[in-house]
N, C-alpha and C. Protein backbone atom coordinates (compact mmCIF):
# COMPACT_ATOMS: atom_id res chain seq x y z
N UNK A 1 -56.77 6.93 -85.30
CA UNK A 1 -55.56 6.94 -86.08
C UNK A 1 -54.90 5.56 -85.96
N UNK A 2 -54.32 5.12 -87.05
CA UNK A 2 -53.59 3.85 -87.05
C UNK A 2 -52.10 4.15 -86.94
N UNK A 3 -51.49 3.61 -85.88
CA UNK A 3 -50.09 3.89 -85.56
C UNK A 3 -49.31 2.58 -85.54
N UNK A 4 -48.20 2.55 -86.26
CA UNK A 4 -47.29 1.40 -86.20
C UNK A 4 -46.14 1.79 -85.28
N UNK A 5 -45.87 0.95 -84.29
CA UNK A 5 -44.81 1.23 -83.33
C UNK A 5 -43.72 0.18 -83.48
N UNK A 6 -42.56 0.63 -83.97
CA UNK A 6 -41.40 -0.25 -84.08
C UNK A 6 -40.69 -0.25 -82.74
N UNK A 7 -40.52 -1.43 -82.18
CA UNK A 7 -39.99 -1.54 -80.83
C UNK A 7 -41.11 -1.59 -79.81
N UNK A 8 -42.28 -2.05 -80.26
CA UNK A 8 -43.50 -2.01 -79.45
C UNK A 8 -43.46 -2.86 -78.19
N UNK A 9 -42.53 -3.79 -78.10
CA UNK A 9 -42.48 -4.64 -76.92
C UNK A 9 -41.38 -4.22 -75.94
N UNK A 10 -40.67 -3.15 -76.25
CA UNK A 10 -39.57 -2.70 -75.41
C UNK A 10 -40.00 -1.73 -74.33
N UNK A 11 -39.01 -1.14 -73.66
CA UNK A 11 -39.23 -0.26 -72.52
C UNK A 11 -40.14 0.92 -72.87
N UNK A 12 -39.86 1.61 -73.94
CA UNK A 12 -40.66 2.77 -74.33
C UNK A 12 -41.83 2.34 -75.20
N UNK A 13 -41.58 1.43 -76.13
CA UNK A 13 -42.63 1.00 -77.05
C UNK A 13 -43.83 0.38 -76.38
N UNK A 14 -43.61 -0.41 -75.35
CA UNK A 14 -44.75 -1.04 -74.65
C UNK A 14 -45.59 0.02 -73.94
N UNK A 15 -44.93 1.03 -73.38
CA UNK A 15 -45.68 2.12 -72.73
C UNK A 15 -46.46 2.93 -73.77
N UNK A 16 -45.80 3.20 -74.90
CA UNK A 16 -46.45 3.96 -75.96
C UNK A 16 -47.65 3.20 -76.53
N UNK A 17 -47.48 1.90 -76.77
CA UNK A 17 -48.58 1.09 -77.30
C UNK A 17 -49.76 1.09 -76.33
N UNK A 18 -49.50 0.92 -75.05
CA UNK A 18 -50.57 0.92 -74.04
C UNK A 18 -51.30 2.25 -74.03
N UNK A 19 -50.55 3.34 -74.07
CA UNK A 19 -51.15 4.67 -74.07
C UNK A 19 -51.97 4.92 -75.33
N UNK A 20 -51.43 4.56 -76.49
CA UNK A 20 -52.15 4.77 -77.75
C UNK A 20 -53.45 3.96 -77.78
N UNK A 21 -53.40 2.71 -77.34
CA UNK A 21 -54.61 1.88 -77.29
C UNK A 21 -55.64 2.47 -76.33
N UNK A 22 -55.19 2.96 -75.19
CA UNK A 22 -56.10 3.54 -74.20
C UNK A 22 -56.78 4.79 -74.75
N UNK A 23 -56.11 5.47 -75.68
CA UNK A 23 -56.69 6.66 -76.28
C UNK A 23 -57.49 6.35 -77.55
N UNK A 24 -57.70 5.05 -77.83
CA UNK A 24 -58.56 4.65 -78.92
C UNK A 24 -57.89 4.49 -80.28
N UNK A 25 -56.57 4.52 -80.33
CA UNK A 25 -55.88 4.35 -81.60
C UNK A 25 -55.74 2.87 -81.94
N UNK A 26 -55.65 2.59 -83.22
CA UNK A 26 -55.36 1.24 -83.71
C UNK A 26 -53.85 1.12 -83.77
N UNK A 27 -53.28 0.13 -83.10
CA UNK A 27 -51.84 0.00 -82.98
C UNK A 27 -51.36 -1.27 -83.68
N UNK A 28 -50.33 -1.11 -84.51
CA UNK A 28 -49.64 -2.23 -85.13
C UNK A 28 -48.31 -2.37 -84.40
N UNK A 29 -48.13 -3.47 -83.70
CA UNK A 29 -46.91 -3.70 -82.92
C UNK A 29 -45.85 -4.35 -83.80
N UNK A 30 -44.77 -3.63 -84.04
CA UNK A 30 -43.68 -4.13 -84.87
C UNK A 30 -42.48 -4.40 -83.96
N UNK A 31 -42.13 -5.67 -83.85
CA UNK A 31 -41.02 -6.08 -83.00
C UNK A 31 -40.63 -7.50 -83.38
N UNK A 32 -39.44 -7.90 -82.96
CA UNK A 32 -39.03 -9.29 -83.20
C UNK A 32 -40.05 -10.26 -82.60
N UNK A 33 -40.55 -9.91 -81.42
CA UNK A 33 -41.49 -10.78 -80.72
C UNK A 33 -42.83 -10.91 -81.44
N UNK A 34 -43.14 -9.98 -82.33
CA UNK A 34 -44.39 -10.06 -83.09
C UNK A 34 -44.15 -10.51 -84.53
N UNK A 35 -42.91 -11.00 -84.80
CA UNK A 35 -42.62 -11.61 -86.09
C UNK A 35 -41.95 -10.73 -87.13
N UNK A 36 -41.42 -9.59 -86.73
CA UNK A 36 -40.79 -8.68 -87.69
C UNK A 36 -39.29 -8.62 -87.48
N UNK A 37 -38.56 -8.61 -88.58
CA UNK A 37 -37.11 -8.42 -88.56
C UNK A 37 -36.83 -7.12 -89.31
N UNK A 38 -36.59 -6.06 -88.55
CA UNK A 38 -36.39 -4.75 -89.16
C UNK A 38 -35.04 -4.61 -89.86
N UNK A 39 -34.17 -5.58 -89.68
CA UNK A 39 -32.88 -5.55 -90.38
C UNK A 39 -32.99 -6.15 -91.77
N UNK A 40 -34.08 -6.84 -92.04
CA UNK A 40 -34.30 -7.45 -93.35
C UNK A 40 -35.24 -6.56 -94.16
N UNK A 41 -34.80 -6.12 -95.34
CA UNK A 41 -35.69 -5.30 -96.16
C UNK A 41 -36.92 -6.11 -96.58
N UNK A 42 -38.03 -5.43 -96.71
CA UNK A 42 -39.27 -6.09 -97.12
C UNK A 42 -39.99 -6.67 -95.92
N UNK A 43 -41.17 -7.19 -96.17
CA UNK A 43 -41.93 -7.83 -95.10
C UNK A 43 -42.77 -6.90 -94.26
N UNK A 44 -42.74 -5.60 -94.55
CA UNK A 44 -43.52 -4.65 -93.75
C UNK A 44 -44.73 -4.10 -94.49
N UNK A 45 -44.82 -4.38 -95.78
CA UNK A 45 -45.89 -3.80 -96.61
C UNK A 45 -47.28 -4.03 -96.05
N UNK A 46 -47.62 -5.27 -95.76
CA UNK A 46 -48.96 -5.58 -95.23
C UNK A 46 -49.19 -4.93 -93.87
N UNK A 47 -48.16 -4.94 -93.02
CA UNK A 47 -48.30 -4.38 -91.68
C UNK A 47 -48.53 -2.87 -91.72
N UNK A 48 -47.97 -2.19 -92.71
CA UNK A 48 -48.09 -0.74 -92.78
C UNK A 48 -49.26 -0.26 -93.63
N UNK A 49 -50.01 -1.18 -94.20
CA UNK A 49 -51.18 -0.79 -95.01
C UNK A 49 -52.18 -0.02 -94.14
N UNK A 50 -52.51 1.17 -94.58
CA UNK A 50 -53.48 2.00 -93.87
C UNK A 50 -52.94 2.71 -92.65
N UNK A 51 -51.65 2.60 -92.38
CA UNK A 51 -51.05 3.25 -91.22
C UNK A 51 -50.88 4.74 -91.51
N UNK A 52 -51.23 5.56 -90.52
CA UNK A 52 -51.07 7.01 -90.63
C UNK A 52 -49.68 7.46 -90.19
N UNK A 53 -49.19 6.86 -89.11
CA UNK A 53 -47.91 7.28 -88.52
C UNK A 53 -47.11 6.07 -88.09
N UNK A 54 -45.81 6.10 -88.39
CA UNK A 54 -44.87 5.09 -87.90
C UNK A 54 -44.03 5.75 -86.82
N UNK A 55 -43.88 5.08 -85.69
CA UNK A 55 -43.05 5.58 -84.60
C UNK A 55 -41.95 4.55 -84.35
N UNK A 56 -40.69 4.99 -84.40
CA UNK A 56 -39.57 4.10 -84.15
C UNK A 56 -38.97 4.40 -82.78
N UNK A 57 -39.15 3.47 -81.86
CA UNK A 57 -38.56 3.57 -80.52
C UNK A 57 -37.69 2.34 -80.26
N UNK A 58 -37.11 1.80 -81.34
CA UNK A 58 -36.27 0.62 -81.20
C UNK A 58 -35.00 0.95 -80.41
N UNK A 59 -34.48 -0.06 -79.77
CA UNK A 59 -33.19 0.05 -79.07
C UNK A 59 -32.25 -0.93 -79.74
N UNK A 60 -31.05 -0.45 -80.04
CA UNK A 60 -30.09 -1.30 -80.72
C UNK A 60 -28.99 -1.76 -79.79
N UNK A 61 -28.37 -2.86 -80.14
CA UNK A 61 -27.25 -3.36 -79.35
C UNK A 61 -26.05 -2.42 -79.45
N UNK A 62 -25.42 -2.17 -78.33
CA UNK A 62 -24.29 -1.25 -78.27
C UNK A 62 -23.20 -1.61 -79.27
N UNK A 63 -22.89 -2.89 -79.36
CA UNK A 63 -21.77 -3.35 -80.19
C UNK A 63 -22.00 -3.13 -81.68
N UNK A 64 -23.24 -3.17 -82.13
CA UNK A 64 -23.53 -3.05 -83.57
C UNK A 64 -24.46 -1.88 -83.88
N UNK A 65 -24.50 -0.90 -83.00
CA UNK A 65 -25.42 0.24 -83.19
C UNK A 65 -25.16 0.97 -84.50
N UNK A 66 -23.89 1.05 -84.91
CA UNK A 66 -23.55 1.76 -86.14
C UNK A 66 -24.15 1.16 -87.38
N UNK A 67 -24.39 -0.14 -87.37
CA UNK A 67 -25.06 -0.80 -88.49
C UNK A 67 -26.57 -0.90 -88.24
N UNK A 68 -26.95 -1.16 -86.99
CA UNK A 68 -28.35 -1.41 -86.64
C UNK A 68 -29.25 -0.21 -86.95
N UNK A 69 -28.95 0.94 -86.36
CA UNK A 69 -29.87 2.07 -86.47
C UNK A 69 -30.08 2.58 -87.90
N UNK A 70 -29.02 2.78 -88.69
CA UNK A 70 -29.27 3.22 -90.08
C UNK A 70 -30.00 2.17 -90.91
N UNK A 71 -29.72 0.88 -90.69
CA UNK A 71 -30.39 -0.18 -91.46
C UNK A 71 -31.88 -0.21 -91.13
N UNK A 72 -32.22 -0.13 -89.86
CA UNK A 72 -33.64 -0.11 -89.46
C UNK A 72 -34.32 1.12 -90.05
N UNK A 73 -33.67 2.26 -89.96
CA UNK A 73 -34.25 3.50 -90.50
C UNK A 73 -34.50 3.38 -92.00
N UNK A 74 -33.52 2.82 -92.72
CA UNK A 74 -33.68 2.68 -94.17
C UNK A 74 -34.82 1.71 -94.50
N UNK A 75 -34.84 0.56 -93.83
CA UNK A 75 -35.87 -0.44 -94.13
C UNK A 75 -37.27 0.02 -93.74
N UNK A 76 -37.41 0.54 -92.54
CA UNK A 76 -38.72 0.98 -92.07
C UNK A 76 -39.16 2.25 -92.80
N UNK A 77 -38.24 3.19 -92.99
CA UNK A 77 -38.58 4.42 -93.69
C UNK A 77 -39.00 4.20 -95.13
N UNK A 78 -38.28 3.32 -95.81
CA UNK A 78 -38.62 3.00 -97.20
C UNK A 78 -39.98 2.31 -97.28
N UNK A 79 -40.21 1.36 -96.37
CA UNK A 79 -41.50 0.66 -96.35
C UNK A 79 -42.64 1.63 -96.04
N UNK A 80 -42.40 2.57 -95.16
CA UNK A 80 -43.44 3.55 -94.83
C UNK A 80 -43.77 4.42 -96.04
N UNK A 81 -42.74 4.84 -96.76
CA UNK A 81 -42.97 5.65 -97.96
C UNK A 81 -43.76 4.87 -99.00
N UNK A 82 -43.38 3.61 -99.20
CA UNK A 82 -44.08 2.78 -100.18
C UNK A 82 -45.53 2.51 -99.79
N UNK A 83 -45.81 2.47 -98.48
CA UNK A 83 -47.17 2.18 -97.99
C UNK A 83 -48.04 3.43 -97.93
N UNK A 84 -47.45 4.59 -98.21
CA UNK A 84 -48.24 5.82 -98.18
C UNK A 84 -48.42 6.41 -96.79
N UNK A 85 -47.59 6.01 -95.84
CA UNK A 85 -47.64 6.58 -94.49
C UNK A 85 -47.31 8.07 -94.59
N UNK A 86 -48.00 8.89 -93.80
CA UNK A 86 -47.80 10.34 -93.90
C UNK A 86 -46.75 10.88 -92.94
N UNK A 87 -46.56 10.24 -91.79
CA UNK A 87 -45.67 10.78 -90.76
C UNK A 87 -44.80 9.67 -90.19
N UNK A 88 -43.53 9.99 -89.94
CA UNK A 88 -42.60 9.08 -89.30
C UNK A 88 -41.98 9.81 -88.12
N UNK A 89 -42.06 9.21 -86.94
CA UNK A 89 -41.49 9.80 -85.73
C UNK A 89 -40.40 8.86 -85.22
N UNK A 90 -39.23 9.41 -84.92
CA UNK A 90 -38.13 8.60 -84.40
C UNK A 90 -37.66 9.20 -83.08
N UNK A 91 -37.51 8.33 -82.09
CA UNK A 91 -37.00 8.74 -80.79
C UNK A 91 -35.47 8.72 -80.84
N UNK A 92 -34.88 9.84 -80.46
CA UNK A 92 -33.43 9.95 -80.45
C UNK A 92 -32.99 10.53 -79.10
N UNK A 93 -31.77 11.03 -79.05
CA UNK A 93 -31.18 11.45 -77.78
C UNK A 93 -30.66 12.88 -77.90
N UNK A 94 -30.95 13.69 -76.89
CA UNK A 94 -30.42 15.05 -76.84
C UNK A 94 -28.90 14.99 -76.90
N UNK A 95 -28.30 15.78 -77.77
CA UNK A 95 -26.85 15.91 -77.85
C UNK A 95 -26.15 14.95 -78.78
N UNK A 96 -26.90 14.16 -79.56
CA UNK A 96 -26.22 13.20 -80.45
C UNK A 96 -25.35 13.91 -81.49
N UNK A 97 -25.71 15.12 -81.81
CA UNK A 97 -24.94 15.87 -82.80
C UNK A 97 -23.72 16.57 -82.19
N UNK A 98 -23.54 16.43 -80.90
CA UNK A 98 -22.42 17.08 -80.22
C UNK A 98 -21.48 16.06 -79.57
N UNK A 99 -21.60 14.79 -79.92
CA UNK A 99 -20.80 13.74 -79.28
C UNK A 99 -20.17 12.82 -80.32
N UNK A 100 -19.27 13.34 -81.16
CA UNK A 100 -18.70 12.53 -82.23
C UNK A 100 -17.74 11.45 -81.73
N UNK A 101 -17.43 11.44 -80.44
CA UNK A 101 -16.51 10.44 -79.90
C UNK A 101 -17.24 9.27 -79.23
N UNK A 102 -18.56 9.30 -79.23
CA UNK A 102 -19.34 8.23 -78.61
C UNK A 102 -20.11 7.51 -79.71
N UNK A 103 -19.69 6.29 -80.04
CA UNK A 103 -20.20 5.56 -81.20
C UNK A 103 -21.72 5.39 -81.20
N UNK A 104 -22.32 5.17 -80.03
CA UNK A 104 -23.76 4.97 -79.97
C UNK A 104 -24.48 6.24 -80.43
N UNK A 105 -23.99 7.40 -79.99
CA UNK A 105 -24.59 8.67 -80.40
C UNK A 105 -24.39 8.91 -81.90
N UNK A 106 -23.22 8.56 -82.40
CA UNK A 106 -22.96 8.68 -83.84
C UNK A 106 -23.97 7.83 -84.62
N UNK A 107 -24.25 6.64 -84.10
CA UNK A 107 -25.22 5.75 -84.75
C UNK A 107 -26.64 6.34 -84.70
N UNK A 108 -27.01 6.94 -83.58
CA UNK A 108 -28.34 7.55 -83.48
C UNK A 108 -28.47 8.74 -84.43
N UNK A 109 -27.39 9.52 -84.59
CA UNK A 109 -27.42 10.63 -85.54
C UNK A 109 -27.55 10.11 -86.97
N UNK A 110 -26.87 9.02 -87.28
CA UNK A 110 -27.00 8.39 -88.60
C UNK A 110 -28.44 7.91 -88.82
N UNK A 111 -29.06 7.39 -87.77
CA UNK A 111 -30.46 6.97 -87.86
C UNK A 111 -31.35 8.16 -88.21
N UNK A 112 -31.18 9.26 -87.51
CA UNK A 112 -31.95 10.48 -87.79
C UNK A 112 -31.80 10.89 -89.26
N UNK A 113 -30.55 10.95 -89.70
CA UNK A 113 -30.28 11.40 -91.07
C UNK A 113 -30.86 10.45 -92.11
N UNK A 114 -30.79 9.16 -91.84
CA UNK A 114 -31.36 8.18 -92.77
C UNK A 114 -32.87 8.36 -92.87
N UNK A 115 -33.53 8.51 -91.73
CA UNK A 115 -34.98 8.75 -91.78
C UNK A 115 -35.30 10.00 -92.57
N UNK A 116 -34.55 11.06 -92.37
CA UNK A 116 -34.81 12.30 -93.11
C UNK A 116 -34.66 12.10 -94.62
N UNK A 117 -33.77 11.20 -95.02
CA UNK A 117 -33.54 10.92 -96.44
C UNK A 117 -34.65 10.09 -97.07
N UNK A 118 -35.19 9.09 -96.35
CA UNK A 118 -36.06 8.11 -97.00
C UNK A 118 -37.50 8.06 -96.51
N UNK A 119 -37.77 8.57 -95.32
CA UNK A 119 -39.10 8.38 -94.73
C UNK A 119 -40.00 9.59 -94.95
N UNK A 120 -41.29 9.35 -94.99
CA UNK A 120 -42.23 10.46 -95.18
C UNK A 120 -42.46 11.24 -93.88
N UNK A 121 -42.47 12.57 -93.99
CA UNK A 121 -42.84 13.44 -92.88
C UNK A 121 -42.07 13.19 -91.60
N UNK A 122 -40.76 13.07 -91.69
CA UNK A 122 -39.96 12.70 -90.52
C UNK A 122 -39.95 13.78 -89.45
N UNK A 123 -40.20 13.33 -88.22
CA UNK A 123 -40.08 14.16 -87.03
C UNK A 123 -39.14 13.43 -86.09
N UNK A 124 -38.08 14.12 -85.65
CA UNK A 124 -37.13 13.54 -84.71
C UNK A 124 -37.43 14.11 -83.33
N UNK A 125 -37.67 13.23 -82.38
CA UNK A 125 -37.91 13.63 -81.00
C UNK A 125 -36.69 13.25 -80.19
N UNK A 126 -35.93 14.27 -79.77
CA UNK A 126 -34.75 14.01 -78.95
C UNK A 126 -35.12 14.17 -77.48
N UNK A 127 -34.89 13.11 -76.73
CA UNK A 127 -35.18 13.11 -75.30
C UNK A 127 -33.88 12.95 -74.52
N UNK A 128 -33.90 13.40 -73.27
CA UNK A 128 -32.75 13.12 -72.42
C UNK A 128 -32.81 11.65 -72.02
N UNK A 129 -31.74 11.17 -71.42
CA UNK A 129 -31.68 9.76 -71.03
C UNK A 129 -32.77 9.46 -70.00
N UNK A 130 -33.10 8.19 -69.89
CA UNK A 130 -34.14 7.75 -68.97
C UNK A 130 -33.52 7.37 -67.63
N UNK A 131 -34.34 7.24 -66.61
CA UNK A 131 -33.84 6.95 -65.26
C UNK A 131 -32.97 5.70 -65.18
N UNK A 132 -33.20 4.75 -66.04
CA UNK A 132 -32.40 3.52 -65.96
C UNK A 132 -31.07 3.64 -66.70
N UNK A 133 -30.73 4.84 -67.17
CA UNK A 133 -29.49 5.05 -67.91
C UNK A 133 -28.26 4.70 -67.07
N UNK A 134 -28.26 5.08 -65.80
CA UNK A 134 -27.10 4.81 -64.95
C UNK A 134 -26.82 3.31 -64.86
N UNK A 135 -27.86 2.52 -64.67
CA UNK A 135 -27.64 1.07 -64.58
C UNK A 135 -27.22 0.49 -65.93
N UNK A 136 -27.73 1.05 -67.03
CA UNK A 136 -27.31 0.61 -68.36
C UNK A 136 -25.83 0.91 -68.58
N UNK A 137 -25.40 2.11 -68.22
CA UNK A 137 -23.99 2.48 -68.39
C UNK A 137 -23.09 1.55 -67.58
N UNK A 138 -23.53 1.24 -66.37
CA UNK A 138 -22.75 0.33 -65.52
C UNK A 138 -22.65 -1.05 -66.17
N UNK A 139 -23.76 -1.55 -66.68
CA UNK A 139 -23.77 -2.86 -67.34
C UNK A 139 -22.91 -2.87 -68.60
N UNK A 140 -23.06 -1.85 -69.43
CA UNK A 140 -22.35 -1.79 -70.70
C UNK A 140 -20.84 -1.61 -70.54
N UNK A 141 -20.44 -0.96 -69.47
CA UNK A 141 -19.04 -0.56 -69.34
C UNK A 141 -18.29 -1.26 -68.21
N UNK A 142 -18.77 -2.42 -67.80
CA UNK A 142 -18.06 -3.20 -66.79
C UNK A 142 -17.41 -4.41 -67.44
N UNK A 143 -16.10 -4.52 -67.22
CA UNK A 143 -15.34 -5.66 -67.75
C UNK A 143 -14.46 -6.19 -66.63
N UNK A 144 -14.52 -7.48 -66.41
CA UNK A 144 -13.72 -8.13 -65.38
C UNK A 144 -13.92 -7.48 -64.02
N UNK A 145 -15.15 -7.08 -63.73
CA UNK A 145 -15.49 -6.52 -62.43
C UNK A 145 -15.10 -5.06 -62.24
N UNK A 146 -14.62 -4.41 -63.29
CA UNK A 146 -14.22 -3.00 -63.20
C UNK A 146 -15.11 -2.18 -64.13
N UNK A 147 -15.73 -1.13 -63.58
CA UNK A 147 -16.59 -0.26 -64.37
C UNK A 147 -15.81 0.94 -64.88
N UNK A 148 -15.91 1.20 -66.18
CA UNK A 148 -15.28 2.36 -66.82
C UNK A 148 -16.41 3.24 -67.35
N UNK A 149 -16.79 4.22 -66.57
CA UNK A 149 -17.93 5.07 -66.90
C UNK A 149 -17.42 6.37 -67.53
N UNK A 150 -18.01 6.72 -68.68
CA UNK A 150 -17.61 7.96 -69.34
C UNK A 150 -18.14 9.15 -68.54
N UNK A 151 -17.43 10.26 -68.64
CA UNK A 151 -17.82 11.49 -67.97
C UNK A 151 -18.76 12.25 -68.91
N UNK A 152 -20.04 12.13 -68.63
CA UNK A 152 -21.03 12.77 -69.48
C UNK A 152 -22.14 13.33 -68.59
N UNK A 153 -22.47 14.61 -68.78
CA UNK A 153 -23.56 15.17 -67.98
C UNK A 153 -24.90 14.55 -68.39
N UNK A 154 -25.74 14.28 -67.43
CA UNK A 154 -27.07 13.72 -67.72
C UNK A 154 -28.13 14.42 -66.91
N UNK A 155 -29.33 14.40 -67.43
CA UNK A 155 -30.49 14.88 -66.72
C UNK A 155 -31.62 13.92 -67.07
N UNK A 156 -31.64 12.76 -66.41
CA UNK A 156 -32.59 11.72 -66.80
C UNK A 156 -34.04 12.10 -66.53
N UNK A 157 -34.93 11.48 -67.31
CA UNK A 157 -36.36 11.69 -67.17
C UNK A 157 -37.04 10.35 -66.92
N UNK A 158 -38.18 10.42 -66.30
CA UNK A 158 -38.99 9.23 -66.06
C UNK A 158 -39.84 8.97 -67.29
N UNK A 159 -39.96 7.74 -67.71
CA UNK A 159 -40.73 7.43 -68.91
C UNK A 159 -42.21 7.19 -68.62
N UNK A 160 -42.54 7.02 -67.36
CA UNK A 160 -43.94 6.74 -67.02
C UNK A 160 -44.73 8.02 -66.86
N UNK A 161 -46.00 7.95 -67.22
CA UNK A 161 -46.91 9.09 -66.98
C UNK A 161 -47.31 9.07 -65.52
N UNK A 162 -47.37 10.24 -64.93
CA UNK A 162 -47.81 10.28 -63.52
C UNK A 162 -49.27 10.63 -63.42
């Protein structure tokens, strides 16, 4: 199977690409580091030629998540439809539909909805946060040496296969 992985050089994408290659799949790595700008429409046609499944595991910047995730979904989903891709899988977060006061979750829900509107065969995979979530929250929410951590229940999972 030919799989295009958006975010292929990131935390989850690099693991997914390694696993897919080890299982004999043909992998197209879509990332800034491999020459792709998912915020710019177009430019994905050749990369998605002959692809069976597109997987989006991109991570967006906290400050611009509301624009980033829907734009990537629209651009990648539209390109996948035009290329004849049969399945689109997007990694999301458990509870995004129940957290209207947290902008990042609102952005992830918008990403899901955009994929459902424009992409072929959309499957949304909602996972709980990963083990490094605590350190991310600390980094994202520290200003002038003071951490402001939101009160949110978590049940993190390990991303590595054992």
